[in-house]
Amino acid sequence: MEISLDMIKDKVECVQAYDLKELERMIEDRIGINKALMLRVKHVQHQVTYHPILNKMLYSAVVHFAME
């Protein structure tokens, strides 16, 4: 049996929320978790769309983390 430990060099995470403050909190939580993995934020892309059934705005973000 062979165990291989590879370093994570790039990671992309997606988050969604119906409140902008909640989305920001979720992104900050993800940044803290990935900081422990020695990953930093390389790029953030965000978008907002209207959800007609719930009559709410849906905020989403894609966060690209890369090795420091």
PDB file of N, CA and C in Angstrom:
ATOM      1  N   MET A   1       0.836  -1.172   0.000  1.00  0.00           N
ATOM      2  CA  MET A   1       0.000   0.000   0.000  1.00  0.00           C
ATOM      3  C   MET A   1       0.880   1.234   0.000  1.00  0.00           C
ATOM      4  N   GLU A   2       0.546   2.179  -0.862  1.00  0.00           N
ATOM      5  CA  GLU A   2       1.339   3.396  -0.984  1.00  0.00           C
ATOM      6  C   GLU A   2       0.471   4.602  -0.637  1.00  0.00           C
ATOM      7  N   ILE A   3       0.996   5.465   0.196  1.00  0.00           N
ATOM      8  CA  ILE A   3       0.303   6.695   0.562  1.00  0.00           C
ATOM      9  C   ILE A   3       1.036   7.853  -0.094  1.00  0.00           C
ATOM     10  N   SER A   4       0.294   8.661  -0.814  1.00  0.00           N
ATOM     11  CA  SER A   4       0.876   9.802  -1.507  1.00  0.00           C
ATOM     12  C   SER A   4       0.253  11.087  -0.982  1.00  0.00           C
ATOM     13  N   LEU A   5       1.070  12.015  -0.548  1.00  0.00           N
ATOM     14  CA  LEU A   5       0.601  13.304  -0.063  1.00  0.00           C
ATOM     15  C   LEU A   5       0.989  14.376  -1.081  1.00  0.00           C
ATOM     16  N   ASP A   6       0.008  14.865  -1.799  1.00  0.00           N
ATOM     17  CA  ASP A   6       0.249  15.903  -2.790  1.00  0.00           C
ATOM     18  C   ASP A   6      -0.235  17.241  -2.252  1.00  0.00           C
ATOM     19  N   MET A   7       0.462  18.294  -2.623  1.00  0.00           N
ATOM     20  CA  MET A   7       0.071  19.636  -2.218  1.00  0.00           C
ATOM     21  C   MET A   7      -1.023  20.148  -3.152  1.00  0.00           C
ATOM     22  N   ILE A   8      -1.961  20.865  -2.570  1.00  0.00           N
ATOM     23  CA  ILE A   8      -3.004  21.516  -3.366  1.00  0.00           C
ATOM     24  C   ILE A   8      -2.428  22.841  -3.858  1.00  0.00           C
ATOM     25  N   LYS A   9      -2.395  23.027  -5.170  1.00  0.00           N
ATOM     26  CA  LYS A   9      -1.840  24.255  -5.742  1.00  0.00           C
ATOM     27  C   LYS A   9      -2.921  25.231  -6.176  1.00  0.00           C
ATOM     28  N   ASP A  10      -4.040  24.724  -6.635  1.00  0.00           N
ATOM     29  CA  ASP A  10      -5.177  25.548  -7.059  1.00  0.00           C
ATOM     30  C   ASP A  10      -6.463  24.917  -6.546  1.00  0.00           C
ATOM     31  N   LYS A  11      -7.405  25.778  -6.223  1.00  0.00           N
ATOM     32  CA  LYS A  11      -8.688  25.297  -5.727  1.00  0.00           C
ATOM     33  C   LYS A  11      -9.746  26.347  -6.073  1.00  0.00           C
ATOM     34  N   VAL A  12     -10.899  25.896  -6.536  1.00  0.00           N
ATOM     35  CA  VAL A  12     -12.000  26.794  -6.867  1.00  0.00           C
ATOM     36  C   VAL A  12     -13.208  26.402  -6.030  1.00  0.00           C
ATOM     37  N   GLU A  13     -13.825  27.388  -5.380  1.00  0.00           N
ATOM     38  CA  GLU A  13     -15.004  27.131  -4.563  1.00  0.00           C
ATOM     39  C   GLU A  13     -16.122  28.069  -4.976  1.00  0.00           C
ATOM     40  N   CYS A  14     -17.347  27.549  -4.946  1.00  0.00           N
ATOM     41  CA  CYS A  14     -18.532  28.328  -5.295  1.00  0.00           C
ATOM     42  C   CYS A  14     -19.415  28.472  -4.060  1.00  0.00           C
ATOM     43  N   VAL A  15     -19.954  29.668  -3.868  1.00  0.00           N
ATOM     44  CA  VAL A  15     -20.861  29.916  -2.750  1.00  0.00           C
ATOM     45  C   VAL A  15     -22.077  30.690  -3.249  1.00  0.00           C
ATOM     46  N   GLN A  16     -23.224  30.449  -2.615  1.00  0.00           N
ATOM     47  CA  GLN A  16     -24.465  31.134  -2.961  1.00  0.00           C
ATOM     48  C   GLN A  16     -25.206  31.519  -1.697  1.00  0.00           C
ATOM     49  N   ALA A  17     -25.913  32.648  -1.771  1.00  0.00           N
ATOM     50  CA  ALA A  17     -26.739  33.086  -0.647  1.00  0.00           C
ATOM     51  C   ALA A  17     -27.804  34.049  -1.171  1.00  0.00           C
ATOM     52  N   TYR A  18     -28.882  34.173  -0.394  1.00  0.00           N
ATOM     53  CA  TYR A  18     -29.947  35.102  -0.753  1.00  0.00           C
ATOM     54  C   TYR A  18     -29.752  36.465  -0.107  1.00  0.00           C
ATOM     55  N   ASP A  19     -28.670  36.627   0.643  1.00  0.00           N
ATOM     56  CA  ASP A  19     -28.358  37.891   1.298  1.00  0.00           C
ATOM     57  C   ASP A  19     -26.886  38.206   1.038  1.00  0.00           C
ATOM     58  N   LEU A  20     -26.600  39.437   0.663  1.00  0.00           N
ATOM     59  CA  LEU A  20     -25.226  39.811   0.330  1.00  0.00           C
ATOM     60  C   LEU A  20     -24.294  39.705   1.537  1.00  0.00           C
ATOM     61  N   LYS A  21     -24.782  40.090   2.712  1.00  0.00           N
ATOM     62  CA  LYS A  21     -23.962  39.976   3.931  1.00  0.00           C
ATOM     63  C   LYS A  21     -23.636  38.516   4.235  1.00  0.00           C
ATOM     64  N   GLU A  22     -24.592  37.627   4.010  1.00  0.00           N
ATOM     65  CA  GLU A  22     -24.364  36.194   4.237  1.00  0.00           C
ATOM     66  C   GLU A  22     -23.330  35.656   3.253  1.00  0.00           C
ATOM     67  N   LEU A  23     -23.394  36.112   2.008  1.00  0.00           N
ATOM     68  CA  LEU A  23     -22.415  35.697   1.003  1.00  0.00           C
ATOM     69  C   LEU A  23     -21.011  36.152   1.408  1.00  0.00           C
ATOM     70  N   GLU A  24     -20.888  37.388   1.864  1.00  0.00           N
ATOM     71  CA  GLU A  24     -19.595  37.903   2.322  1.00  0.00           C
ATOM     72  C   GLU A  24     -19.059  37.085   3.497  1.00  0.00           C
ATOM     73  N   ARG A  25     -19.944  36.725   4.432  1.00  0.00           N
ATOM     74  CA  ARG A  25     -19.521  35.922   5.582  1.00  0.00           C
ATOM     75  C   ARG A  25     -19.043  34.538   5.141  1.00  0.00           C
ATOM     76  N   MET A  26     -19.758  33.948   4.180  1.00  0.00           N
ATOM     77  CA  MET A  26     -19.368  32.633   3.677  1.00  0.00           C
ATOM     78  C   MET A  26     -18.012  32.687   2.981  1.00  0.00           C
ATOM     79  N   ILE A  27     -17.775  33.743   2.214  1.00  0.00           N
ATOM     80  CA  ILE A  27     -16.479  33.901   1.533  1.00  0.00           C
ATOM     81  C   ILE A  27     -15.372  34.068   2.564  1.00  0.00           C
ATOM     82  N   GLU A  28     -15.602  34.890   3.596  1.00  0.00           N
ATOM     83  CA  GLU A  28     -14.599  35.080   4.650  1.00  0.00           C
ATOM     84  C   GLU A  28     -14.289  33.769   5.364  1.00  0.00           C
ATOM     85  N   ASP A  29     -15.308  32.948   5.606  1.00  0.00           N
ATOM     86  CA  ASP A  29     -15.092  31.633   6.230  1.00  0.00           C
ATOM     87  C   ASP A  29     -14.221  30.753   5.332  1.00  0.00           C
ATOM     88  N   ARG A  30     -14.503  30.746   4.042  1.00  0.00           N
ATOM     89  CA  ARG A  30     -13.731  29.944   3.079  1.00  0.00           C
ATOM     90  C   ARG A  30     -12.284  30.439   3.020  1.00  0.00           C
ATOM     91  N   ILE A  31     -12.083  31.752   3.090  1.00  0.00           N
ATOM     92  CA  ILE A  31     -10.725  32.309   3.076  1.00  0.00           C
ATOM     93  C   ILE A  31      -9.961  31.835   4.304  1.00  0.00           C
ATOM     94  N   GLY A  32     -10.593  31.850   5.470  1.00  0.00           N
ATOM     95  CA  GLY A  32      -9.940  31.392   6.690  1.00  0.00           C
ATOM     96  C   GLY A  32      -9.559  29.923   6.631  1.00  0.00           C
ATOM     97  N   ILE A  33     -10.442  29.092   6.098  1.00  0.00           N
ATOM     98  CA  ILE A  33     -10.160  27.662   5.977  1.00  0.00           C
ATOM     99  C   ILE A  33      -9.002  27.422   5.022  1.00  0.00           C
ATOM    100  N   ASN A  34      -9.016  28.113   3.889  1.00  0.00           N
ATOM    101  CA  ASN A  34      -7.975  27.892   2.884  1.00  0.00           C
ATOM    102  C   ASN A  34      -6.645  28.530   3.262  1.00  0.00           C
ATOM    103  N   LYS A  35      -6.693  29.527   4.154  1.00  0.00           N
ATOM    104  CA  LYS A  35      -5.442  30.112   4.645  1.00  0.00           C
ATOM    105  C   LYS A  35      -4.650  29.059   5.415  1.00  0.00           C
ATOM    106  N   ALA A  36      -5.364  28.173   6.114  1.00  0.00           N
ATOM    107  CA  ALA A  36      -4.706  27.079   6.841  1.00  0.00           C
ATOM    108  C   ALA A  36      -4.035  26.101   5.882  1.00  0.00           C
ATOM    109  N   LEU A  37      -4.535  26.025   4.651  1.00  0.00           N
ATOM    110  CA  LEU A  37      -3.931  25.167   3.621  1.00  0.00           C
ATOM    111  C   LEU A  37      -2.866  25.906   2.818  1.00  0.00           C
ATOM    112  N   MET A  38      -2.510  27.122   3.268  1.00  0.00           N
ATOM    113  CA  MET A  38      -1.520  27.974   2.607  1.00  0.00           C
ATOM    114  C   MET A  38      -1.970  28.382   1.201  1.00  0.00           C
ATOM    115  N   LEU A  39      -3.267  28.593   1.045  1.00  0.00           N
ATOM    116  CA  LEU A  39      -3.808  29.074  -0.216  1.00  0.00           C
ATOM    117  C   LEU A  39      -4.299  30.500  -0.023  1.00  0.00           C
ATOM    118  N   ARG A  40      -4.076  31.333  -1.015  1.00  0.00           N
ATOM    119  CA  ARG A  40      -4.536  32.719  -0.952  1.00  0.00           C
ATOM    120  C   ARG A  40      -5.542  32.953  -2.072  1.00  0.00           C
ATOM    121  N   VAL A  41      -6.304  34.002  -1.949  1.00  0.00           N
ATOM    122  CA  VAL A  41      -7.295  34.337  -2.974  1.00  0.00           C
ATOM    123  C   VAL A  41      -6.568  34.896  -4.192  1.00  0.00           C
ATOM    124  N   LYS A  42      -6.810  34.277  -5.314  1.00  0.00           N
ATOM    125  CA  LYS A  42      -6.218  34.744  -6.569  1.00  0.00           C
ATOM    126  C   LYS A  42      -7.220  35.579  -7.360  1.00  0.00           C
ATOM    127  N   HIS A  43      -8.492  35.153  -7.339  1.00  0.00           N
ATOM    128  CA  HIS A  43      -9.501  35.861  -8.113  1.00  0.00           C
ATOM    129  C   HIS A  43     -10.882  35.564  -7.539  1.00  0.00           C
ATOM    130  N   VAL A  44     -11.744  36.577  -7.537  1.00  0.00           N
ATOM    131  CA  VAL A  44     -13.130  36.399  -7.110  1.00  0.00           C
ATOM    132  C   VAL A  44     -14.034  36.918  -8.218  1.00  0.00           C
ATOM    133  N   GLN A  45     -15.006  36.114  -8.590  1.00  0.00           N
ATOM    134  CA  GLN A  45     -15.988  36.528  -9.585  1.00  0.00           C
ATOM    135  C   GLN A  45     -17.359  36.387  -8.939  1.00  0.00           C
ATOM    136  N   HIS A  46     -18.182  37.417  -9.058  1.00  0.00           N
ATOM    137  CA  HIS A  46     -19.488  37.356  -8.419  1.00  0.00           C
ATOM    138  C   HIS A  46     -20.586  37.718  -9.409  1.00  0.00           C
ATOM    139  N   GLN A  47     -21.791  37.307  -9.066  1.00  0.00           N
ATOM    140  CA  GLN A  47     -22.937  37.528  -9.940  1.00  0.00           C
ATOM    141  C   GLN A  47     -24.189  37.602  -9.077  1.00  0.00           C
ATOM    142  N   VAL A  48     -25.165  38.332  -9.554  1.00  0.00           N
ATOM    143  CA  VAL A  48     -26.454  38.395  -8.879  1.00  0.00           C
ATOM    144  C   VAL A  48     -27.536  38.149  -9.927  1.00  0.00           C
ATOM    145  N   THR A  49     -28.545  37.402  -9.527  1.00  0.00           N
ATOM    146  CA  THR A  49     -29.659  37.102 -10.414  1.00  0.00           C
ATOM    147  C   THR A  49     -30.951  37.115  -9.608  1.00  0.00           C
ATOM    148  N   TYR A  50     -32.036  37.279 -10.284  1.00  0.00           N
ATOM    149  CA  TYR A  50     -33.349  37.320  -9.638  1.00  0.00           C
ATOM    150  C   TYR A  50     -33.982  35.939  -9.683  1.00  0.00           C
ATOM    151  N   HIS A  51     -34.473  35.480  -8.532  1.00  0.00           N
ATOM    152  CA  HIS A  51     -35.163  34.201  -8.449  1.00  0.00           C
ATOM    153  C   HIS A  51     -36.666  34.496  -8.442  1.00  0.00           C
ATOM    154  N   PRO A  52     -37.353  34.274  -9.578  1.00  0.00           N
ATOM    155  CA  PRO A  52     -38.758  34.698  -9.683  1.00  0.00           C
ATOM    156  C   PRO A  52     -39.725  33.931  -8.782  1.00  0.00           C
ATOM    157  N   ILE A  53     -39.445  32.683  -8.490  1.00  0.00           N
ATOM    158  CA  ILE A  53     -40.356  31.901  -7.655  1.00  0.00           C
ATOM    159  C   ILE A  53     -40.302  32.371  -6.200  1.00  0.00           C
ATOM    160  N   LEU A  54     -39.101  32.603  -5.695  1.00  0.00           N
ATOM    161  CA  LEU A  54     -38.946  33.060  -4.311  1.00  0.00           C
ATOM    162  C   LEU A  54     -39.046  34.576  -4.180  1.00  0.00           C
ATOM    163  N   ASN A  55     -39.043  35.268  -5.319  1.00  0.00           N
ATOM    164  CA  ASN A  55     -39.108  36.731  -5.349  1.00  0.00           C
ATOM    165  C   ASN A  55     -37.947  37.352  -4.563  1.00  0.00           C
ATOM    166  N   LYS A  56     -36.739  36.774  -4.742  1.00  0.00           N
ATOM    167  CA  LYS A  56     -35.536  37.237  -4.049  1.00  0.00           C
ATOM    168  C   LYS A  56     -34.384  37.320  -5.034  1.00  0.00           C
ATOM    169  N   MET A  57     -33.360  38.058  -4.627  1.00  0.00           N
ATOM    170  CA  MET A  57     -32.119  38.104  -5.390  1.00  0.00           C
ATOM    171  C   MET A  57     -31.229  36.965  -4.907  1.00  0.00           C
ATOM    172  N   LEU A  58     -30.557  36.296  -5.836  1.00  0.00           N
ATOM    173  CA  LEU A  58     -29.635  35.209  -5.505  1.00  0.00           C
ATOM    174  C   LEU A  58     -28.220  35.674  -5.835  1.00  0.00           C
ATOM    175  N   TYR A  59     -27.384  35.769  -4.809  1.00  0.00           N
ATOM    176  CA  TYR A  59     -26.001  36.208  -4.964  1.00  0.00           C
ATOM    177  C   TYR A  59     -25.107  34.977  -5.017  1.00  0.00           C
ATOM    178  N   SER A  60     -24.175  34.964  -5.945  1.00  0.00           N
ATOM    179  CA  SER A  60     -23.241  33.843  -6.043  1.00  0.00           C
ATOM    180  C   SER A  60     -21.839  34.373  -6.305  1.00  0.00           C
ATOM    181  N   ALA A  61     -20.873  33.579  -5.899  1.00  0.00           N
ATOM    182  CA  ALA A  61     -19.476  33.953  -6.099  1.00  0.00           C
ATOM    183  C   ALA A  61     -18.650  32.698  -6.351  1.00  0.00           C
ATOM    184  N   VAL A  62     -17.637  32.862  -7.190  1.00  0.00           N
ATOM    185  CA  VAL A  62     -16.654  31.815  -7.448  1.00  0.00           C
ATOM    186  C   VAL A  62     -15.319  32.375  -6.972  1.00  0.00           C
ATOM    187  N   VAL A  63     -14.693  31.666  -6.049  1.00  0.00           N
ATOM    188  CA  VAL A  63     -13.431  32.116  -5.467  1.00  0.00           C
ATOM    189  C   VAL A  63     -12.329  31.150  -5.900  1.00  0.00           C
ATOM    190  N   HIS A  64     -11.301  31.690  -6.547  1.00  0.00           N
ATOM    191  CA  HIS A  64     -10.156  30.892  -6.985  1.00  0.00           C
ATOM    192  C   HIS A  64      -9.026  31.108  -5.994  1.00  0.00           C
ATOM    193  N   PHE A  65      -8.605  30.023  -5.377  1.00  0.00           N
ATOM    194  CA  PHE A  65      -7.488  30.058  -4.428  1.00  0.00           C
ATOM    195  C   PHE A  65      -6.257  29.480  -5.109  1.00  0.00           C
ATOM    196  N   ALA A  66      -5.094  30.032  -4.804  1.00  0.00           N
ATOM    197  CA  ALA A  66      -3.843  29.541  -5.361  1.00  0.00           C
ATOM    198  C   ALA A  66      -2.797  29.497  -4.256  1.00  0.00           C
ATOM    199  N   MET A  67      -1.780  28.696  -4.489  1.00  0.00           N
ATOM    200  CA  MET A  67      -0.712  28.527  -3.506  1.00  0.00           C
ATOM    201  C   MET A  67       0.067  29.836  -3.348  1.00  0.00           C
ATOM    202  N   GLU A  68       0.443  30.136  -2.113  1.00  0.00           N
ATOM    203  CA  GLU A  68       1.208  31.351  -1.831  1.00  0.00           C
ATOM    204  C   GLU A  68       2.616  31.282  -2.352  1.00  0.00           C
TER     205      GLU A  68
END
